[in-house]
């Protein structure tokens, strides 16, 4: 399960209990011990890549100054 934090970044959550804390060495949830599936990890990695691409595009756009039309 993927949630998005207030900044828009994806966060992986346990499919069983919704916990967002994982033992990344064993790929298990700290709360209930459920195994994180390879599909969930792949889905999360794709979401991270989409987020990074969006943030890169946002950083590349020049910001219009609030007074750009006023001379």
Protein backbone atom coordinates (compact mmCIF):
# COMPACT_ATOMS: atom_id res chain seq x y z
CA UNK A 1 0.00 0.00 0.00
CA UNK A 2 1.40 3.41 -0.92
CA UNK A 3 0.52 6.65 0.82
CA UNK A 4 1.76 10.12 -0.06
CA UNK A 5 3.09 12.37 2.67
CA UNK A 6 2.16 16.09 2.79
CA UNK A 7 5.11 16.93 0.51
CA UNK A 8 3.79 14.44 -2.07
CA UNK A 9 6.53 11.85 -1.60
CA UNK A 10 5.40 8.22 -1.61
CA UNK A 11 5.57 6.12 1.56
CA UNK A 12 5.20 2.36 1.66
CA UNK A 13 2.77 0.97 4.23
CA UNK A 14 2.09 -2.59 5.33
CA UNK A 15 -0.72 -4.31 3.44
CA UNK A 16 -1.80 -6.07 6.65
CA UNK A 17 -1.83 -3.36 9.33
CA UNK A 18 -1.03 -0.06 7.58
CA UNK A 19 2.19 0.49 9.57
CA UNK A 20 4.86 2.52 7.77
CA UNK A 21 7.84 1.08 9.67
CA UNK A 22 9.76 -1.77 8.07
CA UNK A 23 12.78 -3.88 8.79
CA UNK A 24 14.48 -3.31 5.45
CA UNK A 25 17.02 -6.08 6.05
CA UNK A 26 14.30 -8.73 6.35
CA UNK A 27 11.55 -6.88 4.39
CA UNK A 28 9.04 -7.28 7.21
CA UNK A 29 6.70 -4.92 9.03
CA UNK A 30 7.87 -3.95 12.52
CA UNK A 31 4.29 -3.81 13.81
CA UNK A 32 2.83 -7.14 12.67
CA UNK A 33 5.79 -8.98 11.12
CA UNK A 34 4.13 -9.39 7.70
CA UNK A 35 6.48 -9.91 4.78
CA UNK A 36 6.59 -7.07 2.24
CA UNK A 37 5.92 -8.54 -1.19
CA UNK A 38 8.25 -8.04 -4.13
CA UNK A 39 5.28 -6.51 -5.98
CA UNK A 40 4.80 -3.89 -3.25
CA UNK A 41 8.49 -3.02 -3.31
CA UNK A 42 8.44 -2.70 -7.11
CA UNK A 43 5.30 -0.53 -6.99
CA UNK A 44 6.92 1.69 -4.35
CA UNK A 45 10.13 2.03 -6.40
CA UNK A 46 8.08 3.10 -9.43
CA UNK A 47 6.21 5.68 -7.32
CA UNK A 48 9.54 7.05 -6.07
CA UNK A 49 10.85 7.36 -9.63
CA UNK A 50 7.68 9.21 -10.71
CA UNK A 51 8.02 11.55 -7.72
CA UNK A 52 11.70 12.23 -8.51
CA UNK A 53 10.86 12.96 -12.15
CA UNK A 54 8.10 15.39 -11.10
CA UNK A 55 10.39 17.14 -8.63
CA UNK A 56 13.16 17.41 -11.25
CA UNK A 57 10.75 19.01 -13.70
CA UNK A 58 9.54 21.39 -11.02
CA UNK A 59 13.11 22.39 -10.15
CA UNK A 60 13.94 22.98 -13.83
CA UNK A 61 11.06 25.40 -14.41
CA UNK A 62 12.04 29.03 -14.02
CA UNK A 63 9.85 30.74 -11.47
CA UNK A 64 8.02 33.79 -12.77
CA UNK A 65 8.72 36.74 -10.59
CA UNK A 66 5.62 38.32 -9.05
CA UNK A 67 6.47 41.63 -10.73
CA UNK A 68 7.45 40.26 -14.15
CA UNK A 69 4.61 42.11 -15.91
CA UNK A 70 5.17 45.37 -14.04
CA UNK A 71 7.88 47.72 -15.29
